[in-house]
Amino acid sequence: MSWWRRRGAGWILLGTVLLIGAVPVARDLLRPDHQEISVEAYDRTDDPQVIVAHLHKDPGYVVSRVATTEDASSVVVHVSVRPSRLFWSGGDEAVEWRIRIPLDRPLADRQVIDGHTDAPIPER
């Protein structure tokens, strides 16, 4: 094989590797990023500084961020999801998610509020 054929094959190989590497990056860039969703209910736990949030979402999503904003009278819960990086997620029916959320202080009699809708979240 002459030197120019080896050089051409090297360029083709390099281009193929770069193209294969660019596909996952392009897929992630073209997908919608994070979306905030509503919490439907919450449960208290044995630990007064932990609550369990209940929500329903398509199994094609994964939880990307859980945050709380606390003050003396309320706890505001923010839950964000993003699409899964898998092509097939396992179904189209919504599934119930239970997410443990640690608090800075015990919940006591503070009200739990959904950060997406600013509505109170009922306790189960």
PDB file of N, CA and C in Angstrom:
ATOM      1  N   MET A   1       0.854  -1.176   0.000  1.00  0.00           N
ATOM      2  CA  MET A   1       0.000   0.000   0.000  1.00  0.00           C
ATOM      3  C   MET A   1       0.895   1.233   0.000  1.00  0.00           C
ATOM      4  N   SER A   2       0.607   2.144  -0.883  1.00  0.00           N
ATOM      5  CA  SER A   2       1.439   3.336  -0.987  1.00  0.00           C
ATOM      6  C   SER A   2       1.135   4.299   0.155  1.00  0.00           C
ATOM      7  N   TRP A   3       2.034   5.255   0.333  1.00  0.00           N
ATOM      8  CA  TRP A   3       1.902   6.190   1.464  1.00  0.00           C
ATOM      9  C   TRP A   3       0.642   7.029   1.372  1.00  0.00           C
ATOM     10  N   TRP A   4       0.238   7.414   0.135  1.00  0.00           N
ATOM     11  CA  TRP A   4      -0.952   8.265   0.026  1.00  0.00           C
ATOM     12  C   TRP A   4      -2.230   7.491   0.336  1.00  0.00           C
ATOM     13  N   ARG A   5      -2.234   6.163   0.078  1.00  0.00           N
ATOM     14  CA  ARG A   5      -3.405   5.355   0.442  1.00  0.00           C
ATOM     15  C   ARG A   5      -3.496   5.196   1.961  1.00  0.00           C
ATOM     16  N   ARG A   6      -2.344   4.998   2.600  1.00  0.00           N
ATOM     17  CA  ARG A   6      -2.341   4.899   4.061  1.00  0.00           C
ATOM     18  C   ARG A   6      -2.798   6.209   4.686  1.00  0.00           C
ATOM     19  N   ARG A   7      -2.354   7.306   4.113  1.00  0.00           N
ATOM     20  CA  ARG A   7      -2.749   8.616   4.625  1.00  0.00           C
ATOM     21  C   ARG A   7      -4.251   8.835   4.446  1.00  0.00           C
ATOM     22  N   GLY A   8      -4.779   8.458   3.294  1.00  0.00           N
ATOM     23  CA  GLY A   8      -6.219   8.574   3.047  1.00  0.00           C
ATOM     24  C   GLY A   8      -7.028   7.687   3.984  1.00  0.00           C
ATOM     25  N   ALA A   9      -6.546   6.481   4.214  1.00  0.00           N
ATOM     26  CA  ALA A   9      -7.236   5.572   5.138  1.00  0.00           C
ATOM     27  C   ALA A   9      -7.202   6.135   6.553  1.00  0.00           C
ATOM     28  N   GLY A  10      -6.111   6.772   6.912  1.00  0.00           N
ATOM     29  CA  GLY A  10      -6.008   7.391   8.242  1.00  0.00           C
ATOM     30  C   GLY A  10      -7.012   8.517   8.407  1.00  0.00           C
ATOM     31  N   TRP A  11      -7.185   9.331   7.363  1.00  0.00           N
ATOM     32  CA  TRP A  11      -8.161  10.423   7.429  1.00  0.00           C
ATOM     33  C   TRP A  11      -9.588   9.882   7.523  1.00  0.00           C
ATOM     34  N   ILE A  12      -9.857   8.821   6.785  1.00  0.00           N
ATOM     35  CA  ILE A  12     -11.190   8.211   6.847  1.00  0.00           C
ATOM     36  C   ILE A  12     -11.443   7.640   8.237  1.00  0.00           C
ATOM     37  N   LEU A  13     -10.453   6.965   8.798  1.00  0.00           N
ATOM     38  CA  LEU A  13     -10.592   6.412  10.144  1.00  0.00           C
ATOM     39  C   LEU A  13     -10.801   7.525  11.175  1.00  0.00           C
ATOM     40  N   LEU A  14     -10.023   8.595  11.080  1.00  0.00           N
ATOM     41  CA  LEU A  14     -10.165   9.717  12.002  1.00  0.00           C
ATOM     42  C   LEU A  14     -11.552  10.359  11.876  1.00  0.00           C
ATOM     43  N   GLY A  15     -12.017  10.560  10.654  1.00  0.00           N
ATOM     44  CA  GLY A  15     -13.348  11.135  10.447  1.00  0.00           C
ATOM     45  C   GLY A  15     -14.449  10.253  11.011  1.00  0.00           C
ATOM     46  N   THR A  16     -14.308   8.946  10.849  1.00  0.00           N
ATOM     47  CA  THR A  16     -15.300   8.010  11.388  1.00  0.00           C
ATOM     48  C   THR A  16     -15.339   8.067  12.904  1.00  0.00           C
ATOM     49  N   VAL A  17     -14.185   8.080  13.546  1.00  0.00           N
ATOM     50  CA  VAL A  17     -14.118   8.149  15.009  1.00  0.00           C
ATOM     51  C   VAL A  17     -14.729   9.457  15.510  1.00  0.00           C
ATOM     52  N   LEU A  18     -14.420  10.570  14.864  1.00  0.00           N
ATOM     53  CA  LEU A  18     -14.994  11.853  15.270  1.00  0.00           C
ATOM     54  C   LEU A  18     -16.510  11.875  15.084  1.00  0.00           C
ATOM     55  N   LEU A  19     -16.998  11.288  14.005  1.00  0.00           N
ATOM     56  CA  LEU A  19     -18.439  11.241  13.764  1.00  0.00           C
ATOM     57  C   LEU A  19     -19.143  10.386  14.813  1.00  0.00           C
ATOM     58  N   ILE A  20     -18.573   9.246  15.136  1.00  0.00           N
ATOM     59  CA  ILE A  20     -19.164   8.380  16.161  1.00  0.00           C
ATOM     60  C   ILE A  20     -19.184   9.095  17.507  1.00  0.00           C
ATOM     61  N   GLY A  21     -18.142   9.832  17.825  1.00  0.00           N
ATOM     62  CA  GLY A  21     -18.104  10.568  19.086  1.00  0.00           C
ATOM     63  C   GLY A  21     -19.047  11.756  19.112  1.00  0.00           C
ATOM     64  N   ALA A  22     -19.366  12.314  17.954  1.00  0.00           N
ATOM     65  CA  ALA A  22     -20.234  13.491  17.903  1.00  0.00           C
ATOM     66  C   ALA A  22     -21.712  13.134  18.045  1.00  0.00           C
ATOM     67  N   VAL A  23     -22.088  11.904  17.753  1.00  0.00           N
ATOM     68  CA  VAL A  23     -23.502  11.517  17.813  1.00  0.00           C
ATOM     69  C   VAL A  23     -24.078  11.654  19.222  1.00  0.00           C
ATOM     70  N   PRO A  24     -23.454  11.091  20.286  1.00  0.00           N
ATOM     71  CA  PRO A  24     -24.038  11.274  21.627  1.00  0.00           C
ATOM     72  C   PRO A  24     -24.058  12.733  22.076  1.00  0.00           C
ATOM     73  N   VAL A  25     -23.046  13.487  21.698  1.00  0.00           N
ATOM     74  CA  VAL A  25     -23.007  14.903  22.074  1.00  0.00           C
ATOM     75  C   VAL A  25     -24.149  15.653  21.400  1.00  0.00           C
ATOM     76  N   ALA A  26     -24.365  15.419  20.126  1.00  0.00           N
ATOM     77  CA  ALA A  26     -25.454  16.087  19.406  1.00  0.00           C
ATOM     78  C   ALA A  26     -26.807  15.670  19.970  1.00  0.00           C
ATOM     79  N   ARG A  27     -26.955  14.386  20.318  1.00  0.00           N
ATOM     80  CA  ARG A  27     -28.226  13.922  20.881  1.00  0.00           C
ATOM     81  C   ARG A  27     -28.527  14.633  22.196  1.00  0.00           C
ATOM     82  N   ASP A  28     -27.523  14.794  23.058  1.00  0.00           N
ATOM     83  CA  ASP A  28     -27.731  15.483  24.331  1.00  0.00           C
ATOM     84  C   ASP A  28     -28.021  16.965  24.133  1.00  0.00           C
ATOM     85  N   LEU A  29     -27.405  17.581  23.145  1.00  0.00           N
ATOM     86  CA  LEU A  29     -27.640  19.001  22.901  1.00  0.00           C
ATOM     87  C   LEU A  29     -29.026  19.262  22.328  1.00  0.00           C
ATOM     88  N   LEU A  30     -29.548  18.340  21.546  1.00  0.00           N
ATOM     89  CA  LEU A  30     -30.841  18.541  20.908  1.00  0.00           C
ATOM     90  C   LEU A  30     -32.015  18.164  21.806  1.00  0.00           C
ATOM     91  N   ARG A  31     -31.756  17.456  22.887  1.00  0.00           N
ATOM     92  CA  ARG A  31     -32.834  17.080  23.801  1.00  0.00           C
ATOM     93  C   ARG A  31     -33.168  18.241  24.718  1.00  0.00           C
ATOM     94  N   PRO A  32     -34.429  18.314  25.143  1.00  0.00           N
ATOM     95  CA  PRO A  32     -34.755  19.339  26.134  1.00  0.00           C
ATOM     96  C   PRO A  32     -34.003  19.061  27.420  1.00  0.00           C
ATOM     97  N   ASP A  33     -33.633  20.096  28.098  1.00  0.00           N
ATOM     98  CA  ASP A  33     -32.832  19.962  29.309  1.00  0.00           C
ATOM     99  C   ASP A  33     -33.729  19.553  30.466  1.00  0.00           C
ATOM    100  N   HIS A  34     -33.679  20.271  31.526  1.00  0.00           N
ATOM    101  CA  HIS A  34     -34.421  19.933  32.736  1.00  0.00           C
ATOM    102  C   HIS A  34     -35.810  20.562  32.708  1.00  0.00           C
ATOM    103  N   GLN A  35     -36.764  19.870  33.318  1.00  0.00           N
ATOM    104  CA  GLN A  35     -38.104  20.435  33.455  1.00  0.00           C
ATOM    105  C   GLN A  35     -38.554  20.184  34.889  1.00  0.00           C
ATOM    106  N   GLU A  36     -39.135  21.201  35.496  1.00  0.00           N
ATOM    107  CA  GLU A  36     -39.614  21.077  36.866  1.00  0.00           C
ATOM    108  C   GLU A  36     -41.002  20.442  36.848  1.00  0.00           C
ATOM    109  N   ILE A  37     -41.245  19.516  37.786  1.00  0.00           N
ATOM    110  CA  ILE A  37     -42.533  18.833  37.847  1.00  0.00           C
ATOM    111  C   ILE A  37     -43.148  18.996  39.232  1.00  0.00           C
ATOM    112  N   SER A  38     -44.435  18.717  39.312  1.00  0.00           N
ATOM    113  CA  SER A  38     -45.178  18.890  40.558  1.00  0.00           C
ATOM    114  C   SER A  38     -45.096  17.648  41.435  1.00  0.00           C
ATOM    115  N   VAL A  39     -45.044  17.882  42.728  1.00  0.00           N
ATOM    116  CA  VAL A  39     -45.114  16.810  43.717  1.00  0.00           C
ATOM    117  C   VAL A  39     -46.580  16.661  44.103  1.00  0.00           C
ATOM    118  N   GLU A  40     -47.087  15.422  44.098  1.00  0.00           N
ATOM    119  CA  GLU A  40     -48.510  15.190  44.354  1.00  0.00           C
ATOM    120  C   GLU A  40     -48.840  15.046  45.831  1.00  0.00           C
ATOM    121  N   ALA A  41     -47.938  14.443  46.593  1.00  0.00           N
ATOM    122  CA  ALA A  41     -48.182  14.228  48.021  1.00  0.00           C
ATOM    123  C   ALA A  41     -46.841  13.962  48.694  1.00  0.00           C
ATOM    124  N   TYR A  42     -46.859  13.948  50.015  1.00  0.00           N
ATOM    125  CA  TYR A  42     -45.641  13.612  50.751  1.00  0.00           C
ATOM    126  C   TYR A  42     -45.996  12.791  51.978  1.00  0.00           C
ATOM    127  N   ASP A  43     -45.018  12.047  52.466  1.00  0.00           N
ATOM    128  CA  ASP A  43     -45.142  11.266  53.699  1.00  0.00           C
ATOM    129  C   ASP A  43     -44.075  11.721  54.672  1.00  0.00           C
ATOM    130  N   ARG A  44     -44.410  11.677  55.945  1.00  0.00           N
ATOM    131  CA  ARG A  44     -43.399  11.867  56.983  1.00  0.00           C
ATOM    132  C   ARG A  44     -42.695  10.530  57.191  1.00  0.00           C
ATOM    133  N   THR A  45     -41.492  10.575  57.719  1.00  0.00           N
ATOM    134  CA  THR A  45     -40.752   9.357  58.030  1.00  0.00           C
ATOM    135  C   THR A  45     -40.452   9.330  59.522  1.00  0.00           C
ATOM    136  N   ASP A  46     -39.785   8.273  59.962  1.00  0.00           N
ATOM    137  CA  ASP A  46     -39.387   8.189  61.368  1.00  0.00           C
ATOM    138  C   ASP A  46     -38.396   9.289  61.730  1.00  0.00           C
ATOM    139  N   ASP A  47     -37.620   9.703  60.741  1.00  0.00           N
ATOM    140  CA  ASP A  47     -36.673  10.803  60.939  1.00  0.00           C
ATOM    141  C   ASP A  47     -37.421  12.117  60.680  1.00  0.00           C
ATOM    142  N   PRO A  48     -37.518  13.017  61.659  1.00  0.00           N
ATOM    143  CA  PRO A  48     -38.274  14.263  61.448  1.00  0.00           C
ATOM    144  C   PRO A  48     -37.630  15.212  60.438  1.00  0.00           C
ATOM    145  N   GLN A  49     -36.398  14.925  60.017  1.00  0.00           N
ATOM    146  CA  GLN A  49     -35.724  15.782  59.039  1.00  0.00           C
ATOM    147  C   GLN A  49     -35.732  15.183  57.638  1.00  0.00           C
ATOM    148  N   VAL A  50     -36.591  14.197  57.401  1.00  0.00           N
ATOM    149  CA  VAL A  50     -36.698  13.566  56.078  1.00  0.00           C
ATOM    150  C   VAL A  50     -38.174  13.399  55.737  1.00  0.00           C
ATOM    151  N   ILE A  51     -38.540  13.792  54.504  1.00  0.00           N
ATOM    152  CA  ILE A  51     -39.880  13.510  53.987  1.00  0.00           C
ATOM    153  C   ILE A  51     -39.720  12.698  52.703  1.00  0.00           C
ATOM    154  N   VAL A  52     -40.792  12.024  52.307  1.00  0.00           N
ATOM    155  CA  VAL A  52     -40.797  11.261  51.057  1.00  0.00           C
ATOM    156  C   VAL A  52     -41.830  11.894  50.137  1.00  0.00           C
ATOM    157  N   ALA A  53     -41.382  12.398  48.994  1.00  0.00           N
ATOM    158  CA  ALA A  53     -42.275  13.029  48.019  1.00  0.00           C
ATOM    159  C   ALA A  53     -42.790  11.974  47.048  1.00  0.00           C
ATOM    160  N   HIS A  54     -44.069  12.074  46.685  1.00  0.00           N
ATOM    161  CA  HIS A  54     -44.698  11.160  45.728  1.00  0.00           C
ATOM    162  C   HIS A  54     -45.055  11.946  44.477  1.00  0.00           C
ATOM    163  N   LEU A  55     -44.710  11.386  43.309  1.00  0.00           N
ATOM    164  CA  LEU A  55     -45.066  12.019  42.047  1.00  0.00           C
ATOM    165  C   LEU A  55     -45.188  10.963  40.971  1.00  0.00           C
ATOM    166  N   HIS A  56     -45.865  11.283  39.895  1.00  0.00           N
ATOM    167  CA  HIS A  56     -46.030  10.382  38.759  1.00  0.00           C
ATOM    168  C   HIS A  56     -45.366  11.012  37.539  1.00  0.00           C
ATOM    169  N   LYS A  57     -44.616  10.198  36.821  1.00  0.00           N
ATOM    170  CA  LYS A  57     -43.954  10.688  35.615  1.00  0.00           C
ATOM    171  C   LYS A  57     -43.677   9.510  34.693  1.00  0.00           C
ATOM    172  N   ASP A  58     -43.530   9.790  33.423  1.00  0.00           N
ATOM    173  CA  ASP A  58     -43.173   8.802  32.419  1.00  0.00           C
ATOM    174  C   ASP A  58     -41.834   8.155  32.796  1.00  0.00           C
ATOM    175  N   PRO A  59     -41.688   6.828  32.620  1.00  0.00           N
ATOM    176  CA  PRO A  59     -40.427   6.179  32.984  1.00  0.00           C
ATOM    177  C   PRO A  59     -39.253   6.587  32.095  1.00  0.00           C
ATOM    178  N   GLY A  60     -39.500   7.348  31.042  1.00  0.00           N
ATOM    179  CA  GLY A  60     -38.428   7.819  30.179  1.00  0.00           C
ATOM    180  C   GLY A  60     -37.669   8.998  30.756  1.00  0.00           C
ATOM    181  N   TYR A  61     -37.991   9.406  31.966  1.00  0.00           N
ATOM    182  CA  TYR A  61     -37.330  10.532  32.616  1.00  0.00           C
ATOM    183  C   TYR A  61     -36.588  10.054  33.855  1.00  0.00           C
ATOM    184  N   VAL A  62     -35.587  10.806  34.239  1.00  0.00           N
ATOM    185  CA  VAL A  62     -34.858  10.544  35.483  1.00  0.00           C
ATOM    186  C   VAL A  62     -34.815  11.838  36.293  1.00  0.00           C
ATOM    187  N   VAL A  63     -34.782  11.686  37.606  1.00  0.00           N
ATOM    188  CA  VAL A  63     -34.701  12.861  38.479  1.00  0.00           C
ATOM    189  C   VAL A  63     -33.311  13.463  38.345  1.00  0.00           C
ATOM    190  N   SER A  64     -33.250  14.740  38.049  1.00  0.00           N
ATOM    191  CA  SER A  64     -31.954  15.399  37.883  1.00  0.00           C
ATOM    192  C   SER A  64     -31.624  16.343  39.032  1.00  0.00           C
ATOM    193  N   ARG A  65     -32.652  16.813  39.750  1.00  0.00           N
ATOM    194  CA  ARG A  65     -32.379  17.772  40.826  1.00  0.00           C
ATOM    195  C   ARG A  65     -33.545  17.790  41.807  1.00  0.00           C
ATOM    196  N   VAL A  66     -33.208  17.741  43.078  1.00  0.00           N
ATOM    197  CA  VAL A  66     -34.191  17.901  44.150  1.00  0.00           C
ATOM    198  C   VAL A  66     -33.642  18.964  45.086  1.00  0.00           C
ATOM    199  N   ALA A  67     -34.423  20.001  45.330  1.00  0.00           N
ATOM    200  CA  ALA A  67     -33.964  21.092  46.196  1.00  0.00           C
ATOM    201  C   ALA A  67     -35.114  21.544  47.086  1.00  0.00           C
ATOM    202  N   THR A  68     -34.751  22.073  48.229  1.00  0.00           N
ATOM    203  CA  THR A  68     -35.757  22.631  49.135  1.00  0.00           C
ATOM    204  C   THR A  68     -35.343  24.032  49.541  1.00  0.00           C
ATOM    205  N   THR A  69     -36.341  24.861  49.777  1.00  0.00           N
ATOM    206  CA  THR A  69     -36.143  26.188  50.343  1.00  0.00           C
ATOM    207  C   THR A  69     -36.966  26.218  51.622  1.00  0.00           C
ATOM    208  N   GLU A  70     -36.291  26.415  52.743  1.00  0.00           N
ATOM    209  CA  GLU A  70     -36.968  26.323  54.031  1.00  0.00           C
ATOM    210  C   GLU A  70     -36.987  27.665  54.746  1.00  0.00           C
ATOM    211  N   ASP A  71     -38.098  27.919  55.434  1.00  0.00           N
ATOM    212  CA  ASP A  71     -38.168  29.044  56.371  1.00  0.00           C
ATOM    213  C   ASP A  71     -38.932  28.562  57.604  1.00  0.00           C
ATOM    214  N   ALA A  72     -39.284  29.468  58.484  1.00  0.00           N
ATOM    215  CA  ALA A  72     -39.896  29.078  59.761  1.00  0.00           C
ATOM    216  C   ALA A  72     -41.282  28.462  59.603  1.00  0.00           C
ATOM    217  N   SER A  73     -42.005  28.808  58.536  1.00  0.00           N
ATOM    218  CA  SER A  73     -43.382  28.329  58.406  1.00  0.00           C
ATOM    219  C   SER A  73     -43.613  27.356  57.253  1.00  0.00           C
ATOM    220  N   SER A  74     -42.642  27.201  56.349  1.00  0.00           N
ATOM    221  CA  SER A  74     -42.888  26.340  55.187  1.00  0.00           C
ATOM    222  C   SER A  74     -41.604  25.709  54.651  1.00  0.00           C
ATOM    223  N   VAL A  75     -41.814  24.671  53.854  1.00  0.00           N
ATOM    224  CA  VAL A  75     -40.745  24.004  53.105  1.00  0.00           C
ATOM    225  C   VAL A  75     -41.209  23.953  51.656  1.00  0.00           C
ATOM    226  N   VAL A  76     -40.474  24.589  50.760  1.00  0.00           N
ATOM    227  CA  VAL A  76     -40.812  24.577  49.336  1.00  0.00           C
ATOM    228  C   VAL A  76     -39.943  23.514  48.666  1.00  0.00           C
ATOM    229  N   VAL A  77     -40.591  22.567  47.976  1.00  0.00           N
ATOM    230  CA  VAL A  77     -39.904  21.442  47.349  1.00  0.00           C
ATOM    231  C   VAL A  77     -39.869  21.647  45.837  1.00  0.00           C
ATOM    232  N   HIS A  78     -38.669  21.578  45.258  1.00  0.00           N
ATOM    233  CA  HIS A  78     -38.475  21.682  43.808  1.00  0.00           C
ATOM    234  C   HIS A  78     -37.908  20.352  43.318  1.00  0.00           C
ATOM    235  N   VAL A  79     -38.576  19.743  42.315  1.00  0.00           N
ATOM    236  CA  VAL A  79     -38.093  18.500  41.713  1.00  0.00           C
ATOM    237  C   VAL A  79     -37.986  18.726  40.213  1.00  0.00           C
ATOM    238  N   SER A  80     -36.804  18.467  39.658  1.00  0.00           N
ATOM    239  CA  SER A  80     -36.590  18.603  38.217  1.00  0.00           C
ATOM    240  C   SER A  80     -36.229  17.242  37.636  1.00  0.00           C
ATOM    241  N   VAL A  81     -36.680  17.003  36.407  1.00  0.00           N
ATOM    242  CA  VAL A  81     -36.366  15.766  35.705  1.00  0.00           C
ATOM    243  C   VAL A  81     -35.776  16.115  34.346  1.00  0.00           C
ATOM    244  N   ARG A  82     -35.150  15.125  33.752  1.00  0.00           N
ATOM    245  CA  ARG A  82     -34.628  15.266  32.396  1.00  0.00           C
ATOM    246  C   ARG A  82     -34.878  13.956  31.667  1.00  0.00           C
ATOM    247  N   PRO A  83     -34.903  13.968  30.341  1.00  0.00           N
ATOM    248  CA  PRO A  83     -35.095  12.721  29.604  1.00  0.00           C
ATOM    249  C   PRO A  83     -33.938  11.766  29.867  1.00  0.00           C
ATOM    250  N   SER A  84     -34.260  10.492  29.895  1.00  0.00           N
ATOM    251  CA  SER A  84     -33.233   9.473  30.066  1.00  0.00           C
ATOM    252  C   SER A  84     -32.333   9.463  28.843  1.00  0.00           C
ATOM    253  N   ARG A  85     -31.107   9.037  29.015  1.00  0.00           N
ATOM    254  CA  ARG A  85     -30.191   8.955  27.883  1.00  0.00           C
ATOM    255  C   ARG A  85     -30.379   7.664  27.089  1.00  0.00           C
ATOM    256  N   LEU A  86     -31.241   6.780  27.570  1.00  0.00           N
ATOM    257  CA  LEU A  86     -31.521   5.537  26.856  1.00  0.00           C
ATOM    258  C   LEU A  86     -32.555   5.794  25.769  1.00  0.00           C
ATOM    259  N   PHE A  87     -32.442   5.064  24.661  1.00  0.00           N
ATOM    260  CA  PHE A  87     -33.406   5.233  23.576  1.00  0.00           C
ATOM    261  C   PHE A  87     -34.763   4.667  23.959  1.00  0.00           C
ATOM    262  N   TRP A  88     -34.790   3.549  24.679  1.00  0.00           N
ATOM    263  CA  TRP A  88     -36.047   2.934  25.085  1.00  0.00           C
ATOM    264  C   TRP A  88     -36.150   3.019  26.582  1.00  0.00           C
ATOM    265  N   SER A  89     -37.276   3.477  27.074  1.00  0.00           N
ATOM    266  CA  SER A  89     -37.400   3.745  28.500  1.00  0.00           C
ATOM    267  C   SER A  89     -38.174   2.683  29.258  1.00  0.00           C
ATOM    268  N   GLY A  90     -38.882   1.801  28.586  1.00  0.00           N
ATOM    269  CA  GLY A  90     -39.595   0.759  29.293  1.00  0.00           C
ATOM    270  C   GLY A  90     -41.100   0.896  29.279  1.00  0.00           C
ATOM    271  N   GLY A  91     -41.642   1.901  28.675  1.00  0.00           N
ATOM    272  CA  GLY A  91     -43.094   2.024  28.613  1.00  0.00           C
ATOM    273  C   GLY A  91     -43.548   3.459  28.531  1.00  0.00           C
ATOM    274  N   ASP A  92     -44.844   3.603  28.270  1.00  0.00           N
ATOM    275  CA  ASP A  92     -45.416   4.938  28.134  1.00  0.00           C
ATOM    276  C   ASP A  92     -46.324   5.315  29.297  1.00  0.00           C
ATOM    277  N   GLU A  93     -46.622   4.378  30.170  1.00  0.00           N
ATOM    278  CA  GLU A  93     -47.502   4.640  31.307  1.00  0.00           C
ATOM    279  C   GLU A  93     -46.725   5.314  32.424  1.00  0.00           C
ATOM    280  N   ALA A  94     -47.361   6.274  33.059  1.00  0.00           N
ATOM    281  CA  ALA A  94     -46.707   6.974  34.172  1.00  0.00           C
ATOM    282  C   ALA A  94     -46.502   6.014  35.339  1.00  0.00           C
ATOM    283  N   VAL A  95     -45.378   6.164  36.000  1.00  0.00           N
ATOM    284  CA  VAL A  95     -45.073   5.357  37.181  1.00  0.00           C
ATOM    285  C   VAL A  95     -44.956   6.289  38.385  1.00  0.00           C
ATOM    286  N   GLU A  96     -45.219   5.729  39.571  1.00  0.00           N
ATOM    287  CA  GLU A  96     -45.104   6.537  40.784  1.00  0.00           C
ATOM    288  C   GLU A  96     -43.661   6.523  41.258  1.00  0.00           C
ATOM    289  N   TRP A  97     -43.155   7.682  41.551  1.00  0.00           N
ATOM    290  CA  TRP A  97     -41.809   7.824  42.110  1.00  0.00           C
ATOM    291  C   TRP A  97     -41.930   8.260  43.551  1.00  0.00           C
ATOM    292  N   ARG A  98     -41.067   7.725  44.378  1.00  0.00           N
ATOM    293  CA  ARG A  98     -40.962   8.155  45.775  1.00  0.00           C
ATOM    294  C   ARG A  98     -39.539   8.660  45.966  1.00  0.00           C
ATOM    295  N   ILE A  99     -39.424   9.903  46.356  1.00  0.00           N
ATOM    296  CA  ILE A  99     -38.107  10.526  46.492  1.00  0.00           C
ATOM    297  C   ILE A  99     -37.915  10.971  47.933  1.00  0.00           C
ATOM    298  N   ARG A 100     -36.858  10.479  48.557  1.00  0.00           N
ATOM    299  CA  ARG A 100     -36.521  10.899  49.928  1.00  0.00           C
ATOM    300  C   ARG A 100     -35.861  12.273  49.862  1.00  0.00           C
ATOM    301  N   ILE A 101     -36.373  13.191  50.666  1.00  0.00           N
ATOM    302  CA  ILE A 101     -35.870  14.565  50.656  1.00  0.00           C
ATOM    303  C   ILE A 101     -35.406  14.933  52.062  1.00  0.00           C
ATOM    304  N   PRO A 102     -34.104  15.146  52.237  1.00  0.00           N
ATOM    305  CA  PRO A 102     -33.613  15.576  53.555  1.00  0.00           C
ATOM    306  C   PRO A 102     -33.894  17.065  53.777  1.00  0.00           C
ATOM    307  N   LEU A 103     -34.206  17.406  55.012  1.00  0.00           N
ATOM    308  CA  LEU A 103     -34.475  18.797  55.385  1.00  0.00           C
ATOM    309  C   LEU A 103     -33.372  19.297  56.310  1.00  0.00           C
ATOM    310  N   ASP A 104     -33.206  20.611  56.369  1.00  0.00           N
ATOM    311  CA  ASP A 104     -32.209  21.201  57.265  1.00  0.00           C
ATOM    312  C   ASP A 104     -32.659  21.140  58.718  1.00  0.00           C
ATOM    313  N   ARG A 105     -33.969  21.293  58.930  1.00  0.00           N
ATOM    314  CA  ARG A 105     -34.545  21.257  60.283  1.00  0.00           C
ATOM    315  C   ARG A 105     -35.734  20.306  60.276  1.00  0.00           C
ATOM    316  N   PRO A 106     -36.165  19.827  61.441  1.00  0.00           N
ATOM    317  CA  PRO A 106     -37.344  18.958  61.480  1.00  0.00           C
ATOM    318  C   PRO A 106     -38.570  19.645  60.873  1.00  0.00           C
ATOM    319  N   LEU A 107     -39.413  18.844  60.227  1.00  0.00           N
ATOM    320  CA  LEU A 107     -40.600  19.392  59.564  1.00  0.00           C
ATOM    321  C   LEU A 107     -41.583  19.995  60.568  1.00  0.00           C
ATOM    322  N   ALA A 108     -41.813  19.312  61.678  1.00  0.00           N
ATOM    323  CA  ALA A 108     -42.740  19.766  62.730  1.00  0.00           C
ATOM    324  C   ALA A 108     -44.091  20.131  62.108  1.00  0.00           C
ATOM    325  N   ASP A 109     -44.561  21.363  62.310  1.00  0.00           N
ATOM    326  CA  ASP A 109     -45.866  21.756  61.776  1.00  0.00           C
ATOM    327  C   ASP A 109     -45.743  22.698  60.573  1.00  0.00           C
ATOM    328  N   ARG A 110     -44.584  22.712  59.934  1.00  0.00           N
ATOM    329  CA  ARG A 110     -44.419  23.570  58.755  1.00  0.00           C
ATOM    330  C   ARG A 110     -45.201  23.002  57.568  1.00  0.00           C
ATOM    331  N   GLN A 111     -45.639  23.895  56.700  1.00  0.00           N
ATOM    332  CA  GLN A 111     -46.393  23.514  55.514  1.00  0.00           C
ATOM    333  C   GLN A 111     -45.416  23.156  54.392  1.00  0.00           C
ATOM    334  N   VAL A 112     -45.736  22.098  53.639  1.00  0.00           N
ATOM    335  CA  VAL A 112     -44.919  21.683  52.491  1.00  0.00           C
ATOM    336  C   VAL A 112     -45.588  22.215  51.229  1.00  0.00           C
ATOM    337  N   ILE A 113     -44.815  22.946  50.416  1.00  0.00           N
ATOM    338  CA  ILE A 113     -45.347  23.628  49.225  1.00  0.00           C
ATOM    339  C   ILE A 113     -44.603  23.145  47.990  1.00  0.00           C
ATOM    340  N   ASP A 114     -45.355  22.943  46.908  1.00  0.00           N
ATOM    341  CA  ASP A 114     -44.769  22.547  45.632  1.00  0.00           C
ATOM    342  C   ASP A 114     -44.119  23.766  44.979  1.00  0.00           C
ATOM    343  N   GLY A 115     -42.848  23.666  44.642  1.00  0.00           N
ATOM    344  CA  GLY A 115     -42.132  24.783  44.035  1.00  0.00           C
ATOM    345  C   GLY A 115     -42.560  25.073  42.611  1.00  0.00           C
ATOM    346  N   HIS A 116     -43.170  24.101  41.938  1.00  0.00           N
ATOM    347  CA  HIS A 116     -43.593  24.297  40.550  1.00  0.00           C
ATOM    348  C   HIS A 116     -44.915  25.054  40.461  1.00  0.00           C
ATOM    349  N   THR A 117     -45.857  24.734  41.351  1.00  0.00           N
ATOM    350  CA  THR A 117     -47.185  25.359  41.289  1.00  0.00           C
ATOM    351  C   THR A 117     -47.458  26.333  42.428  1.00  0.00           C
ATOM    352  N   ASP A 118     -46.587  26.383  43.415  1.00  0.00           N
ATOM    353  CA  ASP A 118     -46.769  27.199  44.625  1.00  0.00           C
ATOM    354  C   ASP A 118     -48.025  26.811  45.403  1.00  0.00           C
ATOM    355  N   ALA A 119     -48.479  25.583  45.232  1.00  0.00           N
ATOM    356  CA  ALA A 119     -49.655  25.090  45.956  1.00  0.00           C
ATOM    357  C   ALA A 119     -49.203  24.192  47.109  1.00  0.00           C
ATOM    358  N   PRO A 120     -49.971  24.145  48.190  1.00  0.00           N
ATOM    359  CA  PRO A 120     -49.633  23.236  49.289  1.00  0.00           C
ATOM    360  C   PRO A 120     -49.700  21.776  48.822  1.00  0.00           C
ATOM    361  N   ILE A 121     -48.783  20.967  49.320  1.00  0.00           N
ATOM    362  CA  ILE A 121     -48.752  19.544  48.996  1.00  0.00           C
ATOM    363  C   ILE A 121     -49.455  18.793  50.125  1.00  0.00           C
ATOM    364  N   PRO A 122     -50.438  17.946  49.802  1.00  0.00           N
ATOM    365  CA  PRO A 122     -51.129  17.210  50.865  1.00  0.00           C
ATOM    366  C   PRO A 122     -50.255  16.096  51.442  1.00  0.00           C
ATOM    367  N   GLU A 123     -50.461  15.841  52.725  1.00  0.00           N
ATOM    368  CA  GLU A 123     -49.756  14.738  53.375  1.00  0.00           C
ATOM    369  C   GLU A 123     -50.587  13.480  53.205  1.00  0.00           C
ATOM    370  N   ARG A 124     -49.931  12.368  52.944  1.00  0.00           N
ATOM    371  CA  ARG A 124     -50.650  11.092  52.793  1.00  0.00           C
ATOM    372  C   ARG A 124     -50.906  10.472  54.128  1.00  0.00           C
TER     373      ARG A 124
END
